[in-house]
Amino acid sequence: MAIAKRRTQRTAQAAKAKDAGELRQTPTLPEHDLLVRTAMWINSGSYVPPSAVSTSRRAALLAAGLVTEATLRARQIY
């Protein structure tokens, strides 16, 4: 019962914030800017976890010419 009550409270609070315009939206960067930032991170020589770059992002980086395949392989991003 307590879980249902808390869920109802949270839903009401979220609706109130949305109606009042208090809902904070995070700014989003254009896709190209995200690719450039990712490429700068990869090309910087610092550690990049292989899971930080998805397969689709890897393909987009290569298609845009922002990184080389050799650089990605050196960072173990396949």
PDB file of N, CA and C in Angstrom:
ATOM      1  N   MET A   1       0.813  -1.186   0.000  1.00  0.00           N
ATOM      2  CA  MET A   1       0.000   0.000   0.000  1.00  0.00           C
ATOM      3  C   MET A   1       0.861   1.255   0.000  1.00  0.00           C
ATOM      4  N   ALA A   2       1.947   1.222   0.738  1.00  0.00           N
ATOM      5  CA  ALA A   2       2.822   2.389   0.826  1.00  0.00           C
ATOM      6  C   ALA A   2       3.482   2.685  -0.515  1.00  0.00           C
ATOM      7  N   ILE A   3       3.791   1.649  -1.262  1.00  0.00           N
ATOM      8  CA  ILE A   3       4.422   1.828  -2.568  1.00  0.00           C
ATOM      9  C   ILE A   3       3.448   2.504  -3.530  1.00  0.00           C
ATOM     10  N   ALA A   4       2.202   2.071  -3.522  1.00  0.00           N
ATOM     11  CA  ALA A   4       1.193   2.667  -4.396  1.00  0.00           C
ATOM     12  C   ALA A   4       0.948   4.130  -4.028  1.00  0.00           C
ATOM     13  N   LYS A   5       0.942   4.424  -2.729  1.00  0.00           N
ATOM     14  CA  LYS A   5       0.735   5.795  -2.279  1.00  0.00           C
ATOM     15  C   LYS A   5       1.880   6.692  -2.734  1.00  0.00           C
ATOM     16  N   ARG A   6       3.097   6.199  -2.591  1.00  0.00           N
ATOM     17  CA  ARG A   6       4.272   6.981  -2.998  1.00  0.00           C
ATOM     18  C   ARG A   6       4.273   7.194  -4.514  1.00  0.00           C
ATOM     19  N   ARG A   7       3.870   6.185  -5.255  1.00  0.00           N
ATOM     20  CA  ARG A   7       3.823   6.320  -6.718  1.00  0.00           C
ATOM     21  C   ARG A   7       2.800   7.384  -7.119  1.00  0.00           C
ATOM     22  N   THR A   8       1.662   7.388  -6.452  1.00  0.00           N
ATOM     23  CA  THR A   8       0.637   8.390  -6.727  1.00  0.00           C
ATOM     24  C   THR A   8       1.166   9.791  -6.422  1.00  0.00           C
ATOM     25  N   GLN A   9       1.882   9.936  -5.311  1.00  0.00           N
ATOM     26  CA  GLN A   9       2.456  11.227  -4.946  1.00  0.00           C
ATOM     27  C   GLN A   9       3.469  11.700  -5.983  1.00  0.00           C
ATOM     28  N   ARG A  10       4.324  10.789  -6.424  1.00  0.00           N
ATOM     29  CA  ARG A  10       5.351  11.146  -7.402  1.00  0.00           C
ATOM     30  C   ARG A  10       4.728  11.524  -8.739  1.00  0.00           C
ATOM     31  N   THR A  11       3.689  10.811  -9.145  1.00  0.00           N
ATOM     32  CA  THR A  11       3.008  11.132 -10.394  1.00  0.00           C
ATOM     33  C   THR A  11       2.360  12.511 -10.306  1.00  0.00           C
ATOM     34  N   ALA A  12       1.720  12.796  -9.189  1.00  0.00           N
ATOM     35  CA  ALA A  12       1.086  14.098  -9.008  1.00  0.00           C
ATOM     36  C   ALA A  12       2.132  15.212  -8.987  1.00  0.00           C
ATOM     37  N   GLN A  13       3.248  14.952  -8.334  1.00  0.00           N
ATOM     38  CA  GLN A  13       4.316  15.952  -8.262  1.00  0.00           C
ATOM     39  C   GLN A  13       4.895  16.222  -9.651  1.00  0.00           C
ATOM     40  N   ALA A  14       5.076  15.186 -10.441  1.00  0.00           N
ATOM     41  CA  ALA A  14       5.605  15.361 -11.794  1.00  0.00           C
ATOM     42  C   ALA A  14       4.623  16.133 -12.667  1.00  0.00           C
ATOM     43  N   ALA A  15       3.336  15.842 -12.528  1.00  0.00           N
ATOM     44  CA  ALA A  15       2.327  16.558 -13.305  1.00  0.00           C
ATOM     45  C   ALA A  15       2.285  18.024 -12.900  1.00  0.00           C
ATOM     46  N   LYS A  16       2.403  18.282 -11.614  1.00  0.00           N
ATOM     47  CA  LYS A  16       2.392  19.661 -11.119  1.00  0.00           C
ATOM     48  C   LYS A  16       3.593  20.434 -11.664  1.00  0.00           C
ATOM     49  N   ALA A  17       4.758  19.816 -11.631  1.00  0.00           N
ATOM     50  CA  ALA A  17       5.974  20.475 -12.129  1.00  0.00           C
ATOM     51  C   ALA A  17       5.867  20.731 -13.623  1.00  0.00           C
ATOM     52  N   LYS A  18       5.297  19.797 -14.347  1.00  0.00           N
ATOM     53  CA  LYS A  18       5.150  19.956 -15.793  1.00  0.00           C
ATOM     54  C   LYS A  18       4.181  21.093 -16.114  1.00  0.00           C
ATOM     55  N   ASP A  19       3.088  21.160 -15.371  1.00  0.00           N
ATOM     56  CA  ASP A  19       2.105  22.222 -15.587  1.00  0.00           C
ATOM     57  C   ASP A  19       2.666  23.593 -15.217  1.00  0.00           C
ATOM     58  N   ALA A  20       3.510  23.631 -14.210  1.00  0.00           N
ATOM     59  CA  ALA A  20       4.059  24.906 -13.742  1.00  0.00           C
ATOM     60  C   ALA A  20       5.254  25.356 -14.577  1.00  0.00           C
ATOM     61  N   GLY A  21       5.696  24.527 -15.497  1.00  0.00           N
ATOM     62  CA  GLY A  21       6.845  24.885 -16.322  1.00  0.00           C
ATOM     63  C   GLY A  21       8.163  24.704 -15.611  1.00  0.00           C
ATOM     64  N   GLU A  22       8.152  23.951 -14.539  1.00  0.00           N
ATOM     65  CA  GLU A  22       9.353  23.746 -13.745  1.00  0.00           C
ATOM     66  C   GLU A  22      10.190  22.574 -14.239  1.00  0.00           C
ATOM     67  N   LEU A  23       9.683  21.865 -15.202  1.00  0.00           N
ATOM     68  CA  LEU A  23      10.389  20.699 -15.710  1.00  0.00           C
ATOM     69  C   LEU A  23      11.633  21.156 -16.448  1.00  0.00           C
ATOM     70  N   ARG A  24      12.757  20.745 -15.980  1.00  0.00           N
ATOM     71  CA  ARG A  24      14.025  21.175 -16.558  1.00  0.00           C
ATOM     72  C   ARG A  24      14.402  20.240 -17.698  1.00  0.00           C
ATOM     73  N   GLN A  25      14.640  20.817 -18.842  1.00  0.00           N
ATOM     74  CA  GLN A  25      15.029  20.010 -19.985  1.00  0.00           C
ATOM     75  C   GLN A  25      16.515  20.191 -20.222  1.00  0.00           C
ATOM     76  N   THR A  26      17.184  19.099 -20.494  1.00  0.00           N
ATOM     77  CA  THR A  26      18.607  19.178 -20.772  1.00  0.00           C
ATOM     78  C   THR A  26      18.805  19.540 -22.236  1.00  0.00           C
ATOM     79  N   PRO A  27      19.736  20.432 -22.507  1.00  0.00           N
ATOM     80  CA  PRO A  27      19.976  20.786 -23.905  1.00  0.00           C
ATOM     81  C   PRO A  27      20.622  19.614 -24.640  1.00  0.00           C
ATOM     82  N   THR A  28      20.244  19.443 -25.874  1.00  0.00           N
ATOM     83  CA  THR A  28      20.822  18.373 -26.670  1.00  0.00           C
ATOM     84  C   THR A  28      21.706  18.981 -27.753  1.00  0.00           C
ATOM     85  N   LEU A  29      22.781  18.317 -28.010  1.00  0.00           N
ATOM     86  CA  LEU A  29      23.699  18.759 -29.049  1.00  0.00           C
ATOM     87  C   LEU A  29      23.315  18.116 -30.376  1.00  0.00           C
ATOM     88  N   PRO A  30      23.570  18.800 -31.468  1.00  0.00           N
ATOM     89  CA  PRO A  30      23.347  18.168 -32.773  1.00  0.00           C
ATOM     90  C   PRO A  30      24.249  16.937 -32.921  1.00  0.00           C
ATOM     91  N   GLU A  31      23.813  16.008 -33.727  1.00  0.00           N
ATOM     92  CA  GLU A  31      24.542  14.743 -33.892  1.00  0.00           C
ATOM     93  C   GLU A  31      25.986  14.970 -34.325  1.00  0.00           C
ATOM     94  N   HIS A  32      26.215  15.930 -35.219  1.00  0.00           N
ATOM     95  CA  HIS A  32      27.580  16.169 -35.687  1.00  0.00           C
ATOM     96  C   HIS A  32      28.482  16.653 -34.549  1.00  0.00           C
ATOM     97  N   ASP A  33      27.953  17.492 -33.670  1.00  0.00           N
ATOM     98  CA  ASP A  33      28.739  17.969 -32.534  1.00  0.00           C
ATOM     99  C   ASP A  33      29.098  16.819 -31.595  1.00  0.00           C
ATOM    100  N   LEU A  34      28.168  15.886 -31.413  1.00  0.00           N
ATOM    101  CA  LEU A  34      28.465  14.715 -30.591  1.00  0.00           C
ATOM    102  C   LEU A  34      29.560  13.862 -31.231  1.00  0.00           C
ATOM    103  N   LEU A  35      29.504  13.739 -32.542  1.00  0.00           N
ATOM    104  CA  LEU A  35      30.541  12.974 -33.238  1.00  0.00           C
ATOM    105  C   LEU A  35      31.902  13.647 -33.089  1.00  0.00           C
ATOM    106  N   VAL A  36      31.929  14.964 -33.216  1.00  0.00           N
ATOM    107  CA  VAL A  36      33.199  15.699 -33.088  1.00  0.00           C
ATOM    108  C   VAL A  36      33.757  15.540 -31.679  1.00  0.00           C
ATOM    109  N   ARG A  37      32.906  15.648 -30.670  1.00  0.00           N
ATOM    110  CA  ARG A  37      33.377  15.498 -29.289  1.00  0.00           C
ATOM    111  C   ARG A  37      33.914  14.089 -29.040  1.00  0.00           C
ATOM    112  N   THR A  38      33.217  13.095 -29.568  1.00  0.00           N
ATOM    113  CA  THR A  38      33.665  11.716 -29.409  1.00  0.00           C
ATOM    114  C   THR A  38      34.995  11.503 -30.122  1.00  0.00           C
ATOM    115  N   ALA A  39      35.128  12.064 -31.322  1.00  0.00           N
ATOM    116  CA  ALA A  39      36.372  11.931 -32.082  1.00  0.00           C
ATOM    117  C   ALA A  39      37.527  12.604 -31.352  1.00  0.00           C
ATOM    118  N   MET A  40      37.275  13.762 -30.768  1.00  0.00           N
ATOM    119  CA  MET A  40      38.331  14.446 -30.012  1.00  0.00           C
ATOM    120  C   MET A  40      38.770  13.595 -28.827  1.00  0.00           C
ATOM    121  N   TRP A  41      37.836  12.947 -28.170  1.00  0.00           N
ATOM    122  CA  TRP A  41      38.142  12.086 -27.039  1.00  0.00           C
ATOM    123  C   TRP A  41      38.982  10.893 -27.491  1.00  0.00           C
ATOM    124  N   ILE A  42      38.578  10.274 -28.594  1.00  0.00           N
ATOM    125  CA  ILE A  42      39.310   9.112 -29.102  1.00  0.00           C
ATOM    126  C   ILE A  42      40.707   9.512 -29.567  1.00  0.00           C
ATOM    127  N   ASN A  43      40.815  10.628 -30.271  1.00  0.00           N
ATOM    128  CA  ASN A  43      42.096  11.063 -30.821  1.00  0.00           C
ATOM    129  C   ASN A  43      43.014  11.702 -29.785  1.00  0.00           C
ATOM    130  N   SER A  44      42.502  11.967 -28.580  1.00  0.00           N
ATOM    131  CA  SER A  44      43.316  12.619 -27.555  1.00  0.00           C
ATOM    132  C   SER A  44      44.382  11.693 -26.975  1.00  0.00           C
ATOM    133  N   GLY A  45      44.181  10.408 -27.105  1.00  0.00           N
ATOM    134  CA  GLY A  45      45.148   9.469 -26.564  1.00  0.00           C
ATOM    135  C   GLY A  45      44.804   9.016 -25.158  1.00  0.00           C
ATOM    136  N   SER A  46      43.793   9.619 -24.551  1.00  0.00           N
ATOM    137  CA  SER A  46      43.391   9.188 -23.218  1.00  0.00           C
ATOM    138  C   SER A  46      42.543   7.919 -23.327  1.00  0.00           C
ATOM    139  N   TYR A  47      42.342   7.278 -22.200  1.00  0.00           N
ATOM    140  CA  TYR A  47      41.601   6.023 -22.193  1.00  0.00           C
ATOM    141  C   TYR A  47      40.148   6.249 -22.590  1.00  0.00           C
ATOM    142  N   VAL A  48      39.680   5.423 -23.501  1.00  0.00           N
ATOM    143  CA  VAL A  48      38.278   5.431 -23.926  1.00  0.00           C
ATOM    144  C   VAL A  48      37.756   4.010 -23.741  1.00  0.00           C
ATOM    145  N   PRO A  49      36.790   3.810 -22.866  1.00  0.00           N
ATOM    146  CA  PRO A  49      36.248   2.457 -22.708  1.00  0.00           C
ATOM    147  C   PRO A  49      35.587   2.011 -24.005  1.00  0.00           C
ATOM    148  N   PRO A  50      35.828   0.807 -24.432  1.00  0.00           N
ATOM    149  CA  PRO A  50      35.230   0.330 -25.685  1.00  0.00           C
ATOM    150  C   PRO A  50      33.708   0.414 -25.682  1.00  0.00           C
ATOM    151  N   SER A  51      33.094   0.304 -24.531  1.00  0.00           N
ATOM    152  CA  SER A  51      31.628   0.364 -24.462  1.00  0.00           C
ATOM    153  C   SER A  51      31.099   1.791 -24.606  1.00  0.00           C
ATOM    154  N   ALA A  52      31.974   2.781 -24.616  1.00  0.00           N
ATOM    155  CA  ALA A  52      31.541   4.177 -24.730  1.00  0.00           C
ATOM    156  C   ALA A  52      31.135   4.542 -26.157  1.00  0.00           C
ATOM    157  N   VAL A  53      31.547   3.725 -27.120  1.00  0.00           N
ATOM    158  CA  VAL A  53      31.248   4.024 -28.521  1.00  0.00           C
ATOM    159  C   VAL A  53      30.430   2.864 -29.092  1.00  0.00           C
ATOM    160  N   SER A  54      29.206   3.178 -29.490  1.00  0.00           N
ATOM    161  CA  SER A  54      28.342   2.146 -30.055  1.00  0.00           C
ATOM    162  C   SER A  54      28.784   1.828 -31.487  1.00  0.00           C
ATOM    163  N   THR A  55      28.263   0.762 -32.021  1.00  0.00           N
ATOM    164  CA  THR A  55      28.593   0.360 -33.376  1.00  0.00           C
ATOM    165  C   THR A  55      28.126   1.397 -34.390  1.00  0.00           C
ATOM    166  N   SER A  56      26.945   1.945 -34.178  1.00  0.00           N
ATOM    167  CA  SER A  56      26.434   2.954 -35.115  1.00  0.00           C
ATOM    168  C   SER A  56      27.245   4.246 -35.030  1.00  0.00           C
ATOM    169  N   ARG A  57      27.661   4.628 -33.826  1.00  0.00           N
ATOM    170  CA  ARG A  57      28.486   5.826 -33.681  1.00  0.00           C
ATOM    171  C   ARG A  57      29.863   5.597 -34.307  1.00  0.00           C
ATOM    172  N   ARG A  58      30.393   4.390 -34.163  1.00  0.00           N
ATOM    173  CA  ARG A  58      31.679   4.047 -34.781  1.00  0.00           C
ATOM    174  C   ARG A  58      31.590   4.194 -36.291  1.00  0.00           C
ATOM    175  N   ALA A  59      30.507   3.675 -36.867  1.00  0.00           N
ATOM    176  CA  ALA A  59      30.319   3.775 -38.314  1.00  0.00           C
ATOM    177  C   ALA A  59      30.181   5.234 -38.755  1.00  0.00           C
ATOM    178  N   ALA A  60      29.484   6.036 -37.968  1.00  0.00           N
ATOM    179  CA  ALA A  60      29.311   7.449 -38.303  1.00  0.00           C
ATOM    180  C   ALA A  60      30.635   8.205 -38.204  1.00  0.00           C
ATOM    181  N   LEU A  61      31.453   7.870 -37.210  1.00  0.00           N
ATOM    182  CA  LEU A  61      32.772   8.506 -37.074  1.00  0.00           C
ATOM    183  C   LEU A  61      33.648   8.190 -38.281  1.00  0.00           C
ATOM    184  N   LEU A  62      33.618   6.943 -38.708  1.00  0.00           N
ATOM    185  CA  LEU A  62      34.420   6.550 -39.867  1.00  0.00           C
ATOM    186  C   LEU A  62      33.893   7.195 -41.149  1.00  0.00           C
ATOM    187  N   ALA A  63      32.580   7.242 -41.296  1.00  0.00           N
ATOM    188  CA  ALA A  63      31.986   7.830 -42.503  1.00  0.00           C
ATOM    189  C   ALA A  63      32.280   9.329 -42.593  1.00  0.00           C
ATOM    190  N   ALA A  64      32.331   9.990 -41.452  1.00  0.00           N
ATOM    191  CA  ALA A  64      32.608  11.428 -41.443  1.00  0.00           C
ATOM    192  C   ALA A  64      34.097  11.721 -41.574  1.00  0.00           C
ATOM    193  N   GLY A  65      34.923  10.686 -41.452  1.00  0.00           N
ATOM    194  CA  GLY A  65      36.368  10.873 -41.571  1.00  0.00           C
ATOM    195  C   GLY A  65      37.001  11.519 -40.350  1.00  0.00           C
ATOM    196  N   LEU A  66      36.336  11.409 -39.205  1.00  0.00           N
ATOM    197  CA  LEU A  66      36.850  12.046 -37.990  1.00  0.00           C
ATOM    198  C   LEU A  66      37.894  11.196 -37.282  1.00  0.00           C
ATOM    199  N   VAL A  67      37.865   9.893 -37.478  1.00  0.00           N
ATOM    200  CA  VAL A  67      38.840   8.976 -36.909  1.00  0.00           C
ATOM    201  C   VAL A  67      39.217   7.948 -37.966  1.00  0.00           C
ATOM    202  N   THR A  68      40.325   7.295 -37.739  1.00  0.00           N
ATOM    203  CA  THR A  68      40.729   6.228 -38.655  1.00  0.00           C
ATOM    204  C   THR A  68      40.409   4.879 -38.025  1.00  0.00           C
ATOM    205  N   GLU A  69      40.321   3.889 -38.866  1.00  0.00           N
ATOM    206  CA  GLU A  69      40.054   2.548 -38.365  1.00  0.00           C
ATOM    207  C   GLU A  69      41.203   2.056 -37.494  1.00  0.00           C
ATOM    208  N   ALA A  70      42.416   2.452 -37.844  1.00  0.00           N
ATOM    209  CA  ALA A  70      43.582   2.050 -37.049  1.00  0.00           C
ATOM    210  C   ALA A  70      43.509   2.626 -35.635  1.00  0.00           C
ATOM    211  N   THR A  71      43.061   3.863 -35.519  1.00  0.00           N
ATOM    212  CA  THR A  71      42.926   4.481 -34.198  1.00  0.00           C
ATOM    213  C   THR A  71      41.878   3.751 -33.368  1.00  0.00           C
ATOM    214  N   LEU A  72      40.763   3.399 -34.004  1.00  0.00           N
ATOM    215  CA  LEU A  72      39.718   2.678 -33.284  1.00  0.00           C
ATOM    216  C   LEU A  72      40.203   1.298 -32.846  1.00  0.00           C
ATOM    217  N   ARG A  73      40.931   0.623 -33.711  1.00  0.00           N
ATOM    218  CA  ARG A  73      41.451  -0.693 -33.352  1.00  0.00           C
ATOM    219  C   ARG A  73      42.465  -0.592 -32.216  1.00  0.00           C
ATOM    220  N   ALA A  74      43.275   0.465 -32.223  1.00  0.00           N
ATOM    221  CA  ALA A  74      44.242   0.652 -31.138  1.00  0.00           C
ATOM    222  C   ALA A  74      43.536   0.865 -29.806  1.00  0.00           C
ATOM    223  N   ARG A  75      42.352   1.458 -29.846  1.00  0.00           N
ATOM    224  CA  ARG A  75      41.568   1.689 -28.617  1.00  0.00           C
ATOM    225  C   ARG A  75      40.631   0.515 -28.319  1.00  0.00           C
ATOM    226  N   GLN A  76      40.715  -0.539 -29.129  1.00  0.00           N
ATOM    227  CA  GLN A  76      39.894  -1.740 -29.015  1.00  0.00           C
ATOM    228  C   GLN A  76      38.403  -1.446 -29.158  1.00  0.00           C
ATOM    229  N   ILE A  77      38.092  -0.514 -30.061  1.00  0.00           N
ATOM    230  CA  ILE A  77      36.707  -0.189 -30.384  1.00  0.00           C
ATOM    231  C   ILE A  77      36.414  -0.845 -31.721  1.00  0.00           C
ATOM    232  N   TYR A  78      35.639  -1.927 -31.692  1.00  0.00           N
ATOM    233  CA  TYR A  78      35.389  -2.704 -32.903  1.00  0.00           C
ATOM    234  C   TYR A  78      34.006  -2.496 -33.398  1.00  0.00           C
TER     235      TYR A  78
END
